[in-house]
Amino acid sequence: MTPVSIPTCRPGLLALLAVSLLGTPLLARAEVLYKLNTQCTLGAGNPQPCQVEAINEKGATLYRQTIGSTTETIRITDQPVRMERWDAQAKGWQSLTSAAARFSRNTVCFNGRDLCVVNPNYLNSVVQDRPEAMAGRDLVQVFFGKDGRINLSCYDDGCKKVAP
């Protein structure tokens, strides 16, 4: 579990969008950007307390969500833009199929609703970084191909026309 209308998002926006969740082995030269106590949901479960730790690590941002005894990590890279989830059983990164941000709820979800996190810090930074692109927007979704690259992004009502 790890974490939009026909116009495509800029790579920087997508990287910002995904900067909400993580849980992999910590590398020696990592820098903790912030820690946030918030609420997370796994699958169809109820919201529960969790801690998000954002980590800058060699060309990627990791978002580690600790929910009870479970840790989920999302990795976002800029060059090229990719979002992946750490699979502890396979001991490797797996490409996400989708990511979505709902600004009115300060929530970011990955792979549908496999992992959702309330992270106002991250979403506020997305709006501040791209005010012209995000003005009046509430929902942004991104869909990825099997190689982890962006296939499609959509906004608001445009996402209703896109079937995953």
C-alpha atoms as a PDB file:
ATOM      1  CA  MET A   1       0.000   0.000   0.000  1.00  0.00           C
ATOM      2  CA  THR A   2       1.967   2.757  -0.217  1.00  0.00           C
ATOM      3  CA  PRO A   3       0.906   7.680  -1.237  1.00  0.00           C
ATOM      4  CA  VAL A   4      -5.723  14.623 -13.020  1.00  0.00           C
ATOM      5  CA  SER A   5      -8.622  16.735 -16.529  1.00  0.00           C
ATOM      6  CA  ILE A   6      -6.899  16.265 -19.700  1.00  0.00           C
ATOM      7  CA  PRO A   7      -4.272  19.033 -19.227  1.00  0.00           C
ATOM      8  CA  THR A   8      -1.005  17.667 -17.964  1.00  0.00           C
ATOM      9  CA  CYS A   9       0.735  18.817 -14.800  1.00  0.00           C
ATOM     10  CA  ARG A  10       4.213  20.233 -14.863  1.00  0.00           C
ATOM     11  CA  PRO A  11       6.873  17.901 -13.454  1.00  0.00           C
ATOM     12  CA  GLY A  12       7.502  20.240 -10.500  1.00  0.00           C
ATOM     13  CA  LEU A  13       3.821  20.199  -9.557  1.00  0.00           C
ATOM     14  CA  LEU A  14       3.687  16.418  -9.659  1.00  0.00           C
ATOM     15  CA  ALA A  15       6.764  16.147  -7.504  1.00  0.00           C
ATOM     16  CA  LEU A  16       5.171  18.521  -5.011  1.00  0.00           C
ATOM     17  CA  LEU A  17       1.901  16.581  -5.167  1.00  0.00           C
ATOM     18  CA  ALA A  18       3.499  13.377  -4.119  1.00  0.00           C
ATOM     19  CA  VAL A  19       5.608  14.767  -1.315  1.00  0.00           C
ATOM     20  CA  SER A  20       3.301  13.437   1.392  1.00  0.00           C
ATOM     21  CA  LEU A  21       4.202   9.887   2.447  1.00  0.00           C
ATOM     22  CA  LEU A  22       7.171   7.332   3.058  1.00  0.00           C
ATOM     23  CA  GLY A  23       8.727   4.120   4.669  1.00  0.00           C
ATOM     24  CA  THR A  24      12.002   2.636   3.357  1.00  0.00           C
ATOM     25  CA  PRO A  25      15.482   2.014   4.572  1.00  0.00           C
ATOM     26  CA  LEU A  26      17.050   5.299   5.630  1.00  0.00           C
ATOM     27  CA  LEU A  27      20.216   6.106   3.735  1.00  0.00           C
ATOM     28  CA  ALA A  28      23.219   7.638   5.435  1.00  0.00           C
ATOM     29  CA  ARG A  29      23.105  11.070   3.763  1.00  0.00           C
ATOM     30  CA  ALA A  30      19.393  11.758   4.171  1.00  0.00           C
ATOM     31  CA  GLU A  31      18.088  15.093   5.465  1.00  0.00           C
ATOM     32  CA  VAL A  32      14.785  15.248   7.377  1.00  0.00           C
ATOM     33  CA  LEU A  33      12.705  18.091   5.940  1.00  0.00           C
ATOM     34  CA  TYR A  34       9.826  17.877   8.426  1.00  0.00           C
ATOM     35  CA  LYS A  35       7.782  15.610  10.682  1.00  0.00           C
ATOM     36  CA  LEU A  36       4.023  15.909  11.001  1.00  0.00           C
ATOM     37  CA  ASN A  37       1.577  14.176  13.360  1.00  0.00           C
ATOM     38  CA  THR A  38      -1.636  13.709  11.385  1.00  0.00           C
ATOM     39  CA  GLN A  39      -4.241  11.147  10.216  1.00  0.00           C
ATOM     40  CA  CYS A  40      -3.722   8.340   7.678  1.00  0.00           C
ATOM     41  CA  THR A  41      -5.980   5.694   6.161  1.00  0.00           C
ATOM     42  CA  LEU A  42      -4.932   2.306   4.812  1.00  0.00           C
ATOM     43  CA  GLY A  43      -7.298   0.767   2.252  1.00  0.00           C
ATOM     44  CA  ALA A  44     -10.910   0.833   3.405  1.00  0.00           C
ATOM     45  CA  GLY A  45      -9.861   1.304   7.043  1.00  0.00           C
ATOM     46  CA  ASN A  46     -10.796   4.147   9.339  1.00  0.00           C
ATOM     47  CA  PRO A  47      -8.565   7.201   9.737  1.00  0.00           C
ATOM     48  CA  GLN A  48      -5.982   6.708  12.454  1.00  0.00           C
ATOM     49  CA  PRO A  49      -3.135   8.716  13.942  1.00  0.00           C
ATOM     50  CA  CYS A  50       0.113   8.586  11.998  1.00  0.00           C
ATOM     51  CA  GLN A  51       3.396  10.413  11.672  1.00  0.00           C
ATOM     52  CA  VAL A  52       4.679  11.646   8.313  1.00  0.00           C
ATOM     53  CA  GLU A  53       8.388  12.221   7.898  1.00  0.00           C
ATOM     54  CA  ALA A  54       9.593  13.962   4.731  1.00  0.00           C
ATOM     55  CA  ILE A  55      13.200  13.168   3.837  1.00  0.00           C
ATOM     56  CA  ASN A  56      15.424  14.655   1.134  1.00  0.00           C
ATOM     57  CA  GLU A  57      17.713  11.971  -0.263  1.00  0.00           C
ATOM     58  CA  LYS A  58      19.942  12.123  -3.357  1.00  0.00           C
ATOM     59  CA  GLY A  59      17.547  13.425  -6.010  1.00  0.00           C
ATOM     60  CA  ALA A  60      14.383  12.105  -4.352  1.00  0.00           C
ATOM     61  CA  THR A  61      11.981  13.039  -1.599  1.00  0.00           C
ATOM     62  CA  LEU A  62      10.796  10.204   0.613  1.00  0.00           C
ATOM     63  CA  TYR A  63       7.571  10.402   2.589  1.00  0.00           C
ATOM     64  CA  ARG A  64       7.485   7.901   5.386  1.00  0.00           C
ATOM     65  CA  GLN A  65       4.081   7.334   7.006  1.00  0.00           C
ATOM     66  CA  THR A  66       4.116   5.428  10.278  1.00  0.00           C
ATOM     67  CA  ILE A  67       0.662   4.146  11.178  1.00  0.00           C
ATOM     68  CA  GLY A  68       0.802   2.058  14.349  1.00  0.00           C
ATOM     69  CA  SER A  69       3.250  -0.746  13.584  1.00  0.00           C
ATOM     70  CA  THR A  70       2.953  -0.231   9.804  1.00  0.00           C
ATOM     71  CA  THR A  71       5.299   1.991   7.806  1.00  0.00           C
ATOM     72  CA  GLU A  72       4.519   3.059   4.243  1.00  0.00           C
ATOM     73  CA  THR A  73       7.059   4.963   2.151  1.00  0.00           C
ATOM     74  CA  ILE A  74       6.509   6.926  -1.046  1.00  0.00           C
ATOM     75  CA  ARG A  75       9.473   8.105  -3.137  1.00  0.00           C
ATOM     76  CA  ILE A  76       9.144  10.999  -5.565  1.00  0.00           C
ATOM     77  CA  THR A  77      11.834  11.841  -8.084  1.00  0.00           C
ATOM     78  CA  ASP A  78      12.069  14.850 -10.421  1.00  0.00           C
ATOM     79  CA  GLN A  79      14.351  13.600 -13.184  1.00  0.00           C
ATOM     80  CA  PRO A  80      12.270  11.972 -14.555  1.00  0.00           C
ATOM     81  CA  VAL A  81       9.147  12.574 -12.451  1.00  0.00           C
ATOM     82  CA  ARG A  82       8.170   9.275 -10.857  1.00  0.00           C
ATOM     83  CA  MET A  83       6.269   8.159  -7.772  1.00  0.00           C
ATOM     84  CA  GLU A  84       6.968   4.786  -6.196  1.00  0.00           C
ATOM     85  CA  ARG A  85       6.026   2.846  -3.077  1.00  0.00           C
ATOM     86  CA  TRP A  86       8.432   0.712  -1.082  1.00  0.00           C
ATOM     87  CA  ASP A  87       7.352  -2.948  -1.122  1.00  0.00           C
ATOM     88  CA  ALA A  88       8.842  -4.467   2.020  1.00  0.00           C
ATOM     89  CA  GLN A  89       8.060  -8.051   0.949  1.00  0.00           C
ATOM     90  CA  ALA A  90       9.730  -7.671  -2.446  1.00  0.00           C
ATOM     91  CA  LYS A  91      12.389  -5.377  -0.954  1.00  0.00           C
ATOM     92  CA  GLY A  92      12.111  -2.922  -3.822  1.00  0.00           C
ATOM     93  CA  TRP A  93      10.310   0.098  -5.216  1.00  0.00           C
ATOM     94  CA  GLN A  94       7.011  -0.431  -7.068  1.00  0.00           C
ATOM     95  CA  SER A  95       5.587   2.216  -9.411  1.00  0.00           C
ATOM     96  CA  LEU A  96       2.374   3.830  -8.274  1.00  0.00           C
ATOM     97  CA  THR A  97      -0.660   3.568 -10.532  1.00  0.00           C
ATOM     98  CA  SER A  98      -2.109   6.900  -9.359  1.00  0.00           C
ATOM     99  CA  ALA A  99      -1.881   9.800  -6.938  1.00  0.00           C
ATOM    100  CA  ALA A 100      -4.561  12.354  -6.077  1.00  0.00           C
ATOM    101  CA  ALA A 101      -4.719  15.496  -3.976  1.00  0.00           C
ATOM    102  CA  ARG A 102      -7.956  16.950  -2.607  1.00  0.00           C
ATOM    103  CA  PHE A 103      -7.068  20.442  -1.424  1.00  0.00           C
ATOM    104  CA  SER A 104     -10.342  21.118   0.425  1.00  0.00           C
ATOM    105  CA  ARG A 105      -9.586  18.120   2.667  1.00  0.00           C
ATOM    106  CA  ASN A 106      -5.769  18.541   2.755  1.00  0.00           C
ATOM    107  CA  THR A 107      -5.563  14.891   1.670  1.00  0.00           C
ATOM    108  CA  VAL A 108      -3.215  13.042  -0.651  1.00  0.00           C
ATOM    109  CA  CYS A 109      -4.048   9.452  -1.709  1.00  0.00           C
ATOM    110  CA  PHE A 110      -1.932   6.888  -3.528  1.00  0.00           C
ATOM    111  CA  ASN A 111      -3.065   3.962  -5.719  1.00  0.00           C
ATOM    112  CA  GLY A 112      -6.701   4.895  -5.366  1.00  0.00           C
ATOM    113  CA  ARG A 113      -7.297   4.857  -1.617  1.00  0.00           C
ATOM    114  CA  ASP A 114      -4.641   2.281  -0.679  1.00  0.00           C
ATOM    115  CA  LEU A 115      -2.889   4.959   1.365  1.00  0.00           C
ATOM    116  CA  CYS A 116      -4.306   8.390   2.194  1.00  0.00           C
ATOM    117  CA  VAL A 117      -2.672  11.058   4.327  1.00  0.00           C
ATOM    118  CA  VAL A 118      -3.873  14.394   5.659  1.00  0.00           C
ATOM    119  CA  ASN A 119      -0.930  16.694   4.977  1.00  0.00           C
ATOM    120  CA  PRO A 120      -1.793  20.420   4.904  1.00  0.00           C
ATOM    121  CA  ASN A 121       1.914  21.359   5.032  1.00  0.00           C
ATOM    122  CA  TYR A 122       2.576  19.706   1.700  1.00  0.00           C
ATOM    123  CA  LEU A 123      -0.577  20.817  -0.090  1.00  0.00           C
ATOM    124  CA  ASN A 124      -0.191  24.422   1.068  1.00  0.00           C
ATOM    125  CA  SER A 125       3.326  24.398  -0.364  1.00  0.00           C
ATOM    126  CA  VAL A 126       1.961  23.096  -3.696  1.00  0.00           C
ATOM    127  CA  VAL A 127      -0.502  25.999  -3.888  1.00  0.00           C
ATOM    128  CA  GLN A 128       2.159  28.531  -2.856  1.00  0.00           C
ATOM    129  CA  ASP A 129       4.666  27.152  -5.374  1.00  0.00           C
ATOM    130  CA  ARG A 130       2.183  27.164  -8.297  1.00  0.00           C
ATOM    131  CA  PRO A 131      -0.532  29.731  -7.525  1.00  0.00           C
ATOM    132  CA  GLU A 132      -1.448  30.264 -11.208  1.00  0.00           C
ATOM    133  CA  ALA A 133      -1.859  26.529 -11.878  1.00  0.00           C
ATOM    134  CA  MET A 134      -3.743  25.804  -8.656  1.00  0.00           C
ATOM    135  CA  ALA A 135      -6.035  28.862  -8.454  1.00  0.00           C
ATOM    136  CA  GLY A 136      -9.595  27.611  -7.910  1.00  0.00           C
ATOM    137  CA  ARG A 137      -8.547  23.933  -8.104  1.00  0.00           C
ATOM    138  CA  ASP A 138      -9.679  21.334  -5.577  1.00  0.00           C
ATOM    139  CA  LEU A 139      -8.792  17.950  -7.097  1.00  0.00           C
ATOM    140  CA  VAL A 140      -5.660  16.981  -8.986  1.00  0.00           C
ATOM    141  CA  GLN A 141      -5.097  13.371 -10.115  1.00  0.00           C
ATOM    142  CA  VAL A 142      -2.099  11.815 -11.810  1.00  0.00           C
ATOM    143  CA  PHE A 143      -2.006   8.376 -13.475  1.00  0.00           C
ATOM    144  CA  PHE A 144       1.211   6.474 -14.127  1.00  0.00           C
ATOM    145  CA  GLY A 145       2.244   3.830 -16.654  1.00  0.00           C
ATOM    146  CA  LYS A 146       3.898   0.540 -15.712  1.00  0.00           C
ATOM    147  CA  ASP A 147       7.286   2.232 -16.054  1.00  0.00           C
ATOM    148  CA  GLY A 148       6.290   4.802 -13.408  1.00  0.00           C
ATOM    149  CA  ARG A 149       6.147   7.711 -15.856  1.00  0.00           C
ATOM    150  CA  ILE A 150       3.138  10.042 -16.022  1.00  0.00           C
ATOM    151  CA  ASN A 151       0.504   8.929 -18.523  1.00  0.00           C
ATOM    152  CA  LEU A 152      -2.290  11.357 -17.676  1.00  0.00           C
ATOM    153  CA  SER A 153      -3.218  14.115 -15.267  1.00  0.00           C
ATOM    154  CA  CYS A 154      -6.557  15.813 -14.695  1.00  0.00           C
ATOM    155  CA  TYR A 155      -8.219  18.492 -12.588  1.00  0.00           C
ATOM    156  CA  ASP A 156     -11.591  18.760 -10.844  1.00  0.00           C
ATOM    157  CA  ASP A 157     -14.582  17.817 -13.055  1.00  0.00           C
ATOM    158  CA  GLY A 158     -12.227  16.746 -15.847  1.00  0.00           C
ATOM    159  CA  CYS A 159     -11.257  13.763 -13.702  1.00  0.00           C
ATOM    160  CA  LYS A 160     -14.833  12.440 -13.953  1.00  0.00           C
ATOM    161  CA  LYS A 161     -14.230  11.885 -17.669  1.00  0.00           C
ATOM    162  CA  VAL A 162     -11.127   9.775 -17.003  1.00  0.00           C
ATOM    163  CA  ALA A 163     -11.679   6.117 -16.109  1.00  0.00           C
ATOM    164  CA  PRO A 164      -8.612   4.476 -14.548  1.00  0.00           C
END
